[in-house]
Amino acid sequence: MDFCLSRFCSIIKKNFLGIGLALRATFELIAMSMSIHSFTHTLCVWIGSPLTGGFAANQVTILGLALDRLTAVAWPFTYGKKNKNLIAAIFSFAFFIFFAAIGVSLWGIDPGTSSQCSMGVNAGPLFATTWSIYAQLTALFVFGTYITMLCLFYRQSKVLSLSMNKITQQQQLQQQKPGDIGVIARNKANQNKEFQKTQKQIKLTILVALILLVYSICWALPTAIWFFFNVLDPKDLTRINYVTFIQGFITPLGAGINLYIYIWKHAEIRRSARDTIPFLKQILHDKTFTNPNT
């Protein structure tokens, strides 16, 4: 269980989002074709439940990726041993959140009908408040973890640079004083091995930085605006509905972009793109990408 498993967990959640979008779109098409304009609250919540559960679980997997990178940067040489329990816990918690989000949306639901079949209008009374608190907390945890990771990343890079300079100085001294060449050679080999491990974690960290950037734009920012409007004037539903609509559009878009980032790391897709679009040959050169498993 390592970074690959984290990516696998996230891809599963993206699949739930895709299924939810397909289900919602199919329902809308059927309703339009049959001129249905009145929906029960329970039906609308069940139609939106895969999408809502997927959104909620996706925040846990994003947090898991950030924690995974924090572990890798903090302990680059023992990475893979320390994070097994962490990844297993994140995986289990994500599925718990998926079903918990659906349960909260159904709790205390009004048995009446509505002309608008959306989750926000039809969900139970606890859903809006619970969702708002959950969204803000996950965003804060993700950014807090990310900032901590960057601080450790800077410190590790500085220590690594000093260590490499020290080895270089030892080599220069050894050239002037022939002697224990074997010790220097072993130190150099060990240092190179450690350097390669650290470089691998650095490159994977950059990948996660891209994912977190998409997360910031497509989830954290609209969620913060939605929360601000709810606090400022909860009775002004026009602004809140506009933000909800935008969030409902760009959140799946962000999930798709993240999935694209994962898939794009595979060499076969890069080669296909280079063969299809000539000007990408230089941009998508294999040396540009760093995943050793591709």
Protein backbone atom coordinates (compact mmCIF):
# COMPACT_ATOMS: atom_id res chain seq x y z
CA MET A 1 0.00 0.00 0.00
CA ASP A 2 1.82 3.09 -1.24
CA PHE A 3 1.21 6.09 -3.44
CA CYS A 4 -0.08 3.79 -6.20
CA LEU A 5 -2.81 2.51 -3.85
CA SER A 6 -3.69 6.09 -2.97
CA ARG A 7 -4.14 6.82 -6.64
CA PHE A 8 -6.17 3.62 -7.05
CA CYS A 9 -8.49 4.66 -4.22
CA SER A 10 -8.95 8.07 -5.79
CA ILE A 11 -9.73 6.55 -9.19
CA ILE A 12 -12.45 4.42 -7.56
CA LYS A 13 -14.05 7.57 -6.17
CA LYS A 14 -13.83 9.24 -9.61
CA ASN A 15 -15.69 6.23 -11.01
CA PHE A 16 -18.45 6.78 -8.45
CA LEU A 17 -18.64 10.40 -9.55
CA GLY A 18 -18.88 9.30 -13.17
CA ILE A 19 -21.66 6.83 -12.37
CA GLY A 20 -23.47 9.53 -10.39
CA LEU A 21 -23.25 12.01 -13.26
CA ALA A 22 -24.47 9.41 -15.76
CA LEU A 23 -27.38 8.45 -13.50
CA ARG A 24 -28.36 12.08 -12.95
CA ALA A 25 -28.14 12.93 -16.66
CA THR A 26 -30.18 9.86 -17.64
CA PHE A 27 -32.87 10.74 -15.10
CA GLU A 28 -33.05 14.33 -16.37
CA LEU A 29 -33.42 13.15 -19.97
CA ILE A 30 -36.21 10.72 -19.03
CA ALA A 31 -38.01 13.40 -17.00
CA MET A 32 -37.79 15.88 -19.88
CA SER A 33 -38.95 13.38 -22.49
CA MET A 34 -41.95 12.37 -20.36
CA SER A 35 -42.70 15.97 -19.24
CA ILE A 36 -42.41 15.11 -15.55
CA HIS A 37 -42.28 18.27 -13.43
CA SER A 38 -43.01 16.98 -9.92
CA PHE A 39 -40.62 14.74 -8.00
CA THR A 40 -40.66 13.21 -4.54
CA HIS A 41 -37.87 14.35 -2.24
CA THR A 42 -36.79 10.77 -1.58
CA LEU A 43 -36.47 9.94 -5.28
CA CYS A 44 -34.35 13.02 -5.97
CA VAL A 45 -32.03 12.28 -3.05
CA TRP A 46 -31.54 8.69 -4.18
CA ILE A 47 -30.82 9.87 -7.74
CA GLY A 48 -28.20 12.28 -6.42
CA SER A 49 -26.78 9.96 -3.75
CA PRO A 50 -23.92 8.38 -5.80
CA LEU A 51 -22.74 11.86 -6.80
CA THR A 52 -23.04 13.25 -3.27
CA GLY A 53 -21.33 10.23 -1.71
CA GLY A 54 -18.61 10.39 -4.36
CA PHE A 55 -17.98 14.09 -3.66
CA ALA A 56 -17.71 13.43 0.08
CA ALA A 57 -15.44 10.39 -0.30
CA ASN A 58 -13.27 12.21 -2.83
CA GLN A 59 -12.33 14.79 -0.18
CA VAL A 60 -11.04 11.97 2.03
CA THR A 61 -8.91 10.54 -0.78
CA ILE A 62 -7.48 14.00 -1.54
CA LEU A 63 -6.58 14.31 2.14
CA GLY A 64 -5.10 10.81 1.98
CA LEU A 65 -2.90 11.83 -0.96
CA ALA A 66 -1.70 14.88 0.96
CA LEU A 67 -0.93 12.78 4.06
CA ASP A 68 0.79 10.19 1.88
CA ARG A 69 3.06 12.87 0.42
CA LEU A 70 3.70 14.32 3.88
CA THR A 71 4.84 10.87 5.03
CA ALA A 72 7.04 10.48 1.96
CA VAL A 73 8.72 13.87 2.45
CA ALA A 74 9.14 13.45 6.21
CA TRP A 75 10.58 9.90 5.99
CA PRO A 76 11.78 9.43 2.37
CA PHE A 77 14.09 6.48 3.13
CA THR A 78 11.53 4.40 5.03
CA TYR A 79 8.54 5.42 2.94
CA GLY A 80 6.26 2.47 2.23
CA LYS A 81 6.70 0.97 5.69
CA LYS A 82 5.26 3.77 7.80
CA ASN A 83 2.20 4.55 5.70
CA LYS A 84 0.53 1.15 5.29
CA ASN A 85 -1.85 1.58 8.22
CA LEU A 86 -2.48 5.20 7.21
CA ILE A 87 -3.54 4.32 3.67
CA ALA A 88 -5.72 1.44 4.90
CA ALA A 89 -7.43 3.80 7.36
CA ILE A 90 -7.99 6.44 4.67
CA PHE A 91 -9.41 3.82 2.31
CA SER A 92 -11.86 2.54 4.95
CA PHE A 93 -12.82 6.03 6.09
CA ALA A 94 -13.54 7.11 2.50
CA PHE A 95 -16.09 4.33 2.09
CA PHE A 96 -17.60 5.17 5.47
CA ILE A 97 -17.97 8.82 4.43
CA PHE A 98 -19.54 7.75 1.14
CA PHE A 99 -22.38 5.95 2.89
CA ALA A 100 -22.56 8.48 5.75
CA ALA A 101 -23.17 11.32 3.28
CA ILE A 102 -26.06 9.38 1.74
CA GLY A 103 -27.45 8.58 5.20
CA VAL A 104 -27.36 12.23 6.31
CA SER A 105 -29.08 13.36 3.10
CA LEU A 106 -31.93 10.89 3.77
CA TRP A 107 -32.24 11.58 7.51
CA GLY A 108 -35.54 13.28 8.38
CA ILE A 109 -36.44 13.84 4.73
CA ASP A 110 -39.79 15.44 3.92
CA PRO A 111 -42.10 12.95 2.14
CA GLY A 112 -43.52 15.74 -0.06
CA THR A 113 -42.74 16.69 -3.66
CA SER A 114 -40.66 19.33 -5.40
CA SER A 115 -40.48 20.84 -8.87
CA GLN A 116 -36.68 20.96 -8.71
CA CYS A 117 -34.88 17.63 -8.44
CA SER A 118 -31.60 18.63 -6.78
CA MET A 119 -29.88 17.42 -3.64
CA GLY A 120 -29.81 20.78 -1.86
CA VAL A 121 -33.56 21.37 -2.17
CA ASN A 122 -34.73 17.83 -1.39
CA ALA A 123 -32.25 16.52 1.21
CA GLY A 124 -33.05 16.21 4.90
CA PRO A 125 -32.73 19.15 7.34
CA LEU A 126 -29.28 18.12 8.60
CA PHE A 127 -27.67 17.86 5.19
CA ALA A 128 -26.84 21.52 4.44
CA THR A 129 -25.25 22.25 7.83
CA THR A 130 -23.39 18.94 8.00
CA TRP A 131 -22.12 19.28 4.44
CA SER A 132 -20.91 22.84 5.05
CA ILE A 133 -18.97 21.88 8.19
CA TYR A 134 -17.51 18.79 6.53
CA ALA A 135 -16.43 20.70 3.42
CA GLN A 136 -14.69 23.42 5.42
CA LEU A 137 -12.92 20.98 7.74
CA THR A 138 -11.60 18.78 4.93
CA ALA A 139 -10.37 21.83 3.01
CA LEU A 140 -8.56 23.15 6.10
CA PHE A 141 -6.97 19.75 6.81
CA VAL A 142 -5.82 19.38 3.19
CA PHE A 143 -4.24 22.82 3.05
CA GLY A 144 -2.71 22.43 6.51
CA THR A 145 -1.15 19.13 5.47
CA TYR A 146 0.04 20.63 2.20
CA ILE A 147 1.71 23.61 3.91
CA THR A 148 3.41 21.29 6.41
CA MET A 149 4.59 19.12 3.52
CA LEU A 150 6.09 22.14 1.74
CA CYS A 151 7.96 23.21 4.89
CA LEU A 152 9.40 19.71 5.35
CA PHE A 153 10.14 19.51 1.64
CA TYR A 154 12.22 22.70 1.83
CA ARG A 155 14.08 21.46 4.90
CA GLN A 156 14.81 18.03 3.38
CA SER A 157 16.07 19.62 0.16
CA LYS A 158 18.40 21.87 2.14
CA VAL A 159 19.76 18.96 4.19
CA LEU A 160 20.26 16.89 1.04
CA SER A 161 22.12 19.73 -0.66
CA LEU A 162 24.45 20.16 2.32
CA SER A 163 25.08 16.42 2.45
CA MET A 164 25.96 16.27 -1.25
CA ASN A 165 28.37 19.19 -0.83
CA LYS A 166 30.04 17.40 2.07
CA ILE A 167 30.56 14.25 -0.01
CA THR A 168 32.05 16.33 -2.82
CA GLN A 169 34.48 17.96 -0.41
CA GLN A 170 35.50 14.55 0.96
CA GLN A 171 36.18 13.32 -2.55
CA GLN A 172 38.37 16.31 -3.27
CA LEU A 173 40.34 15.75 -0.06
CA GLN A 174 40.72 12.05 -0.85
CA GLN A 175 42.24 12.85 -4.21
CA GLN A 176 44.95 14.79 -2.40
CA LYS A 177 45.42 12.09 0.27
CA PRO A 178 45.23 8.60 -1.23
CA GLY A 179 44.07 6.08 1.32
CA ASP A 180 40.69 4.78 2.23
CA ILE A 181 39.20 5.00 -1.26
CA GLY A 182 36.74 2.18 -0.54
CA VAL A 183 35.04 4.13 2.26
CA ILE A 184 34.59 7.16 0.04
CA ALA A 185 33.23 5.00 -2.78
CA ARG A 186 30.71 3.36 -0.46
CA ASN A 187 29.66 6.72 0.94
CA LYS A 188 29.19 8.04 -2.56
CA ALA A 189 27.10 5.01 -3.59
CA ASN A 190 24.90 5.30 -0.50
CA GLN A 191 24.52 9.02 -1.05
CA ASN A 192 23.53 8.51 -4.67
CA LYS A 193 20.96 5.90 -3.62
CA GLU A 194 19.48 8.24 -1.04
CA PHE A 195 19.51 11.07 -3.56
CA GLN A 196 17.57 8.99 -6.09
CA LYS A 197 14.97 8.01 -3.49
CA THR A 198 14.52 11.62 -2.45
CA GLN A 199 14.28 12.76 -6.06
CA LYS A 200 11.55 10.19 -6.68
CA GLN A 201 9.53 11.49 -3.74
CA ILE A 202 10.08 15.09 -4.88
CA LYS A 203 8.71 14.32 -8.34
CA LEU A 204 5.69 12.51 -6.93
CA THR A 205 5.13 15.48 -4.62
CA ILE A 206 5.00 17.77 -7.65
CA LEU A 207 2.31 15.52 -9.13
CA VAL A 208 0.25 15.81 -5.96
CA ALA A 209 0.76 19.59 -6.03
CA LEU A 210 -1.02 19.61 -9.40
CA ILE A 211 -3.87 17.58 -7.93
CA LEU A 212 -4.16 19.93 -4.96
CA LEU A 213 -4.17 22.95 -7.28
CA VAL A 214 -7.14 21.47 -9.15
CA TYR A 215 -8.74 20.71 -5.78
CA SER A 216 -8.31 24.33 -4.69
CA ILE A 217 -9.90 25.75 -7.83
CA CYS A 218 -12.68 23.21 -8.33
CA TRP A 219 -13.68 22.47 -4.73
CA ALA A 220 -12.19 24.60 -1.96
CA LEU A 221 -12.84 28.01 -3.56
CA PRO A 222 -16.51 27.49 -4.55
CA THR A 223 -17.19 25.76 -1.22
CA ALA A 224 -15.78 28.76 0.66
CA ILE A 225 -17.92 31.14 -1.42
CA TRP A 226 -21.00 28.98 -0.80
CA PHE A 227 -20.30 28.99 2.95
CA PHE A 228 -19.76 32.78 2.93
CA PHE A 229 -23.09 33.41 1.20
CA ASN A 230 -24.89 31.11 3.65
CA VAL A 231 -23.46 33.01 6.60
CA LEU A 232 -23.96 36.45 5.02
CA ASP A 233 -27.60 36.00 4.03
CA PRO A 234 -29.05 32.47 4.22
CA LYS A 235 -32.41 33.70 2.88
CA ASP A 236 -30.95 34.90 -0.42
CA LEU A 237 -31.31 31.60 -2.25
CA THR A 238 -30.51 33.07 -5.67
CA ARG A 239 -26.80 33.55 -4.99
CA ILE A 240 -26.56 30.28 -3.09
CA ASN A 241 -28.22 28.37 -5.94
CA TYR A 242 -25.89 29.96 -8.49
CA VAL A 243 -22.83 28.90 -6.49
CA THR A 244 -24.30 25.42 -6.01
CA PHE A 245 -24.87 25.15 -9.75
CA ILE A 246 -21.30 26.24 -10.52
CA GLN A 247 -19.93 23.86 -7.89
CA GLY A 248 -21.98 21.00 -9.29
CA PHE A 249 -20.43 21.66 -12.69
CA ILE A 250 -16.77 22.26 -11.84
CA THR A 251 -16.41 19.62 -9.10
CA PRO A 252 -16.92 16.71 -11.55
CA LEU A 253 -14.71 18.64 -13.98
CA GLY A 254 -11.96 18.74 -11.35
CA ALA A 255 -12.43 15.03 -10.66
CA GLY A 256 -12.05 14.36 -14.38
CA ILE A 257 -8.89 16.48 -14.57
CA ASN A 258 -7.37 14.59 -11.65
CA LEU A 259 -8.24 11.27 -13.28
CA TYR A 260 -6.62 12.58 -16.47
CA ILE A 261 -3.46 13.44 -14.51
CA TYR A 262 -3.31 9.87 -13.16
CA ILE A 263 -3.85 8.25 -16.55
CA TRP A 264 -1.48 10.66 -18.29
CA LYS A 265 1.36 9.22 -16.23
CA HIS A 266 1.13 5.99 -18.24
CA ALA A 267 3.69 5.72 -21.01
CA GLU A 268 1.30 4.11 -23.52
CA ILE A 269 -1.02 7.12 -23.49
CA ARG A 270 1.88 9.54 -23.83
CA ARG A 271 3.22 7.63 -26.84
CA SER A 272 -0.21 7.59 -28.45
CA ALA A 273 -0.53 11.35 -27.97
CA ARG A 274 2.92 11.96 -29.46
CA ASP A 275 2.08 9.83 -32.49
CA THR A 276 -1.26 11.55 -32.99
CA ILE A 277 -0.22 15.18 -32.38
CA PRO A 278 3.29 15.90 -33.78
CA PHE A 279 3.98 19.12 -31.81
CA LEU A 280 3.66 17.16 -28.55
CA LYS A 281 6.76 15.09 -29.28
CA GLN A 282 9.07 17.50 -27.47
CA ILE A 283 6.63 18.48 -24.73
CA LEU A 284 5.75 14.88 -23.85
CA HIS A 285 9.24 13.44 -24.02
CA ASP A 286 9.65 10.50 -21.63
CA LYS A 287 12.30 12.36 -19.62
CA THR A 288 9.69 14.96 -18.74
CA PHE A 289 7.75 12.33 -16.80
CA THR A 290 9.23 10.63 -13.82
CA ASN A 291 7.08 7.71 -12.75
CA PRO A 292 9.48 4.73 -12.78
CA ASN A 293 6.57 2.29 -13.01
CA THR A 294 5.45 3.60 -16.42
